[in-house]
């Protein structure tokens, strides 16, 4: 039997927040779990940084670990703060960090 994946999310958030702060585009990401169609990714963004609008996977959610972000969907912004979990609708969307932030993106792909 294979051991389940165990990850210290706080340590990973610290690491990628520091990497994002040092990166010219203010972003850093790490694929934490890839199991068949399931993917979980830690994404760190500095204040004012964003992920451009892109297509949605089959199913997804966003858990804000630190900071405050807006999920942008069809010209609307839905603010999500630390500790909040937000479902991502199946439409084009983007992400904007209002302050230094780290999120956990969970996605199911085809």
C-alpha atoms as a PDB file:
ATOM      1  CA  UNK A   1       0.000   0.000   0.000  1.00  0.00           C
ATOM      2  CA  UNK A   2       1.272   3.461  -0.908  1.00  0.00           C
ATOM      3  CA  UNK A   3       1.628   6.002   1.884  1.00  0.00           C
ATOM      4  CA  UNK A   4      -0.820   8.906   1.574  1.00  0.00           C
ATOM      5  CA  UNK A   5       0.628  12.289   0.674  1.00  0.00           C
ATOM      6  CA  UNK A   6       1.325  14.411   3.750  1.00  0.00           C
ATOM      7  CA  UNK A   7       2.192  18.061   3.308  1.00  0.00           C
ATOM      8  CA  UNK A   8       2.807  20.870   5.792  1.00  0.00           C
ATOM      9  CA  UNK A   9       0.608  23.483   4.093  1.00  0.00           C
ATOM     10  CA  UNK A  10       1.741  26.281   6.437  1.00  0.00           C
ATOM     11  CA  UNK A  11       5.406  25.657   5.597  1.00  0.00           C
ATOM     12  CA  UNK A  12       4.581  25.454   1.885  1.00  0.00           C
ATOM     13  CA  UNK A  13       2.614  28.715   2.145  1.00  0.00           C
ATOM     14  CA  UNK A  14       5.601  30.397   3.845  1.00  0.00           C
ATOM     15  CA  UNK A  15       7.977  29.124   1.161  1.00  0.00           C
ATOM     16  CA  UNK A  16       5.855  30.257  -1.773  1.00  0.00           C
ATOM     17  CA  UNK A  17       4.954  33.605  -0.216  1.00  0.00           C
ATOM     18  CA  UNK A  18       8.706  34.294  -0.019  1.00  0.00           C
ATOM     19  CA  UNK A  19       9.230  33.094  -3.601  1.00  0.00           C
ATOM     20  CA  UNK A  20       6.372  35.284  -4.845  1.00  0.00           C
ATOM     21  CA  UNK A  21       7.842  38.303  -3.037  1.00  0.00           C
ATOM     22  CA  UNK A  22      11.166  37.709  -4.821  1.00  0.00           C
ATOM     23  CA  UNK A  23       9.611  37.072  -8.263  1.00  0.00           C
ATOM     24  CA  UNK A  24       9.192  40.022 -10.664  1.00  0.00           C
ATOM     25  CA  UNK A  25       5.580  39.026 -11.415  1.00  0.00           C
ATOM     26  CA  UNK A  26       4.740  38.518  -7.726  1.00  0.00           C
ATOM     27  CA  UNK A  27       3.584  34.914  -8.127  1.00  0.00           C
ATOM     28  CA  UNK A  28       4.666  31.430  -7.143  1.00  0.00           C
ATOM     29  CA  UNK A  29       2.830  28.106  -7.406  1.00  0.00           C
ATOM     30  CA  UNK A  30       3.424  24.493  -6.460  1.00  0.00           C
ATOM     31  CA  UNK A  31       1.412  21.411  -7.426  1.00  0.00           C
ATOM     32  CA  UNK A  32       0.893  19.721  -4.060  1.00  0.00           C
ATOM     33  CA  UNK A  33      -1.206  16.737  -5.076  1.00  0.00           C
ATOM     34  CA  UNK A  34      -1.836  15.135  -8.450  1.00  0.00           C
ATOM     35  CA  UNK A  35      -3.993  12.032  -8.181  1.00  0.00           C
ATOM     36  CA  UNK A  36      -5.757  11.074 -11.401  1.00  0.00           C
ATOM     37  CA  UNK A  37      -8.112  13.943 -12.231  1.00  0.00           C
ATOM     38  CA  UNK A  38      -7.608  15.668  -8.855  1.00  0.00           C
ATOM     39  CA  UNK A  39      -5.060  18.456  -8.538  1.00  0.00           C
ATOM     40  CA  UNK A  40      -4.303  20.687  -5.564  1.00  0.00           C
ATOM     41  CA  UNK A  41      -2.019  23.664  -6.011  1.00  0.00           C
ATOM     42  CA  UNK A  42      -0.683  26.247  -3.568  1.00  0.00           C
ATOM     43  CA  UNK A  43      -0.554  29.665  -5.234  1.00  0.00           C
ATOM     44  CA  UNK A  44       1.058  32.719  -3.636  1.00  0.00           C
ATOM     45  CA  UNK A  45       0.430  36.234  -4.966  1.00  0.00           C
ATOM     46  CA  UNK A  46       1.808  39.546  -3.752  1.00  0.00           C
ATOM     47  CA  UNK A  47      -0.552  42.496  -3.270  1.00  0.00           C
ATOM     48  CA  UNK A  48      -1.744  43.739  -6.666  1.00  0.00           C
ATOM     49  CA  UNK A  49      -0.655  40.592  -8.524  1.00  0.00           C
ATOM     50  CA  UNK A  50      -3.156  38.591 -10.505  1.00  0.00           C
ATOM     51  CA  UNK A  51      -3.808  35.507 -12.541  1.00  0.00           C
ATOM     52  CA  UNK A  52      -5.330  36.495 -15.862  1.00  0.00           C
ATOM     53  CA  UNK A  53      -8.747  35.238 -16.818  1.00  0.00           C
ATOM     54  CA  UNK A  54      -8.684  31.603 -17.925  1.00  0.00           C
ATOM     55  CA  UNK A  55     -11.071  28.699 -18.542  1.00  0.00           C
ATOM     56  CA  UNK A  56     -12.452  26.783 -15.589  1.00  0.00           C
ATOM     57  CA  UNK A  57     -11.790  23.092 -14.988  1.00  0.00           C
ATOM     58  CA  UNK A  58     -14.635  20.580 -14.635  1.00  0.00           C
ATOM     59  CA  UNK A  59     -14.917  21.412 -10.913  1.00  0.00           C
ATOM     60  CA  UNK A  60     -12.831  23.609  -8.615  1.00  0.00           C
ATOM     61  CA  UNK A  61     -12.669  25.412  -5.300  1.00  0.00           C
ATOM     62  CA  UNK A  62     -10.450  28.064  -3.793  1.00  0.00           C
ATOM     63  CA  UNK A  63      -9.433  28.083  -0.119  1.00  0.00           C
ATOM     64  CA  UNK A  64      -7.732  31.283   0.994  1.00  0.00           C
ATOM     65  CA  UNK A  65      -5.000  30.350   3.447  1.00  0.00           C
ATOM     66  CA  UNK A  66      -3.699  33.903   3.953  1.00  0.00           C
ATOM     67  CA  UNK A  67      -4.657  37.345   2.787  1.00  0.00           C
ATOM     68  CA  UNK A  68      -7.547  38.641   0.709  1.00  0.00           C
ATOM     69  CA  UNK A  69      -8.242  37.984  -2.969  1.00  0.00           C
ATOM     70  CA  UNK A  70     -11.010  38.564  -5.482  1.00  0.00           C
ATOM     71  CA  UNK A  71     -12.211  35.898  -7.834  1.00  0.00           C
ATOM     72  CA  UNK A  72     -13.142  37.742 -11.029  1.00  0.00           C
ATOM     73  CA  UNK A  73     -15.954  36.159 -13.037  1.00  0.00           C
ATOM     74  CA  UNK A  74     -17.594  37.802 -16.061  1.00  0.00           C
ATOM     75  CA  UNK A  75     -16.567  41.293 -14.956  1.00  0.00           C
ATOM     76  CA  UNK A  76     -17.733  40.779 -11.354  1.00  0.00           C
ATOM     77  CA  UNK A  77     -15.437  40.464  -8.356  1.00  0.00           C
ATOM     78  CA  UNK A  78     -16.188  38.152  -5.445  1.00  0.00           C
ATOM     79  CA  UNK A  79     -13.925  38.893  -2.478  1.00  0.00           C
ATOM     80  CA  UNK A  80     -12.632  35.897  -0.518  1.00  0.00           C
ATOM     81  CA  UNK A  81     -10.646  36.273   2.716  1.00  0.00           C
ATOM     82  CA  UNK A  82      -8.404  34.028   4.818  1.00  0.00           C
ATOM     83  CA  UNK A  83     -10.242  30.967   6.063  1.00  0.00           C
ATOM     84  CA  UNK A  84     -12.961  31.124   3.413  1.00  0.00           C
ATOM     85  CA  UNK A  85     -13.661  28.421   0.843  1.00  0.00           C
ATOM     86  CA  UNK A  86     -15.236  29.487  -2.434  1.00  0.00           C
ATOM     87  CA  UNK A  87     -16.518  27.284  -5.249  1.00  0.00           C
ATOM     88  CA  UNK A  88     -15.323  28.283  -8.700  1.00  0.00           C
ATOM     89  CA  UNK A  89     -18.085  28.310 -11.320  1.00  0.00           C
ATOM     90  CA  UNK A  90     -17.537  26.736 -14.707  1.00  0.00           C
ATOM     91  CA  UNK A  91     -16.897  30.010 -16.498  1.00  0.00           C
ATOM     92  CA  UNK A  92     -13.819  32.030 -17.352  1.00  0.00           C
ATOM     93  CA  UNK A  93     -12.319  33.562 -14.234  1.00  0.00           C
ATOM     94  CA  UNK A  94      -9.223  35.216 -12.826  1.00  0.00           C
ATOM     95  CA  UNK A  95      -7.737  35.993  -9.430  1.00  0.00           C
ATOM     96  CA  UNK A  96      -6.555  39.303  -7.972  1.00  0.00           C
ATOM     97  CA  UNK A  97      -4.643  39.655  -4.683  1.00  0.00           C
ATOM     98  CA  UNK A  98      -5.617  42.730  -2.651  1.00  0.00           C
ATOM     99  CA  UNK A  99      -2.833  41.968  -0.176  1.00  0.00           C
ATOM    100  CA  UNK A 100      -0.067  39.360  -0.031  1.00  0.00           C
ATOM    101  CA  UNK A 101      -2.046  36.126  -0.228  1.00  0.00           C
ATOM    102  CA  UNK A 102      -1.719  32.340  -0.437  1.00  0.00           C
ATOM    103  CA  UNK A 103      -4.518  30.109  -1.707  1.00  0.00           C
ATOM    104  CA  UNK A 104      -5.096  26.409  -2.166  1.00  0.00           C
ATOM    105  CA  UNK A 105      -6.726  25.646  -5.510  1.00  0.00           C
ATOM    106  CA  UNK A 106      -8.445  22.280  -5.779  1.00  0.00           C
ATOM    107  CA  UNK A 107      -9.412  21.267  -9.314  1.00  0.00           C
ATOM    108  CA  UNK A 108     -10.872  18.256 -11.067  1.00  0.00           C
ATOM    109  CA  UNK A 109      -9.769  18.038 -14.686  1.00  0.00           C
ATOM    110  CA  UNK A 110     -11.023  15.938 -17.588  1.00  0.00           C
END
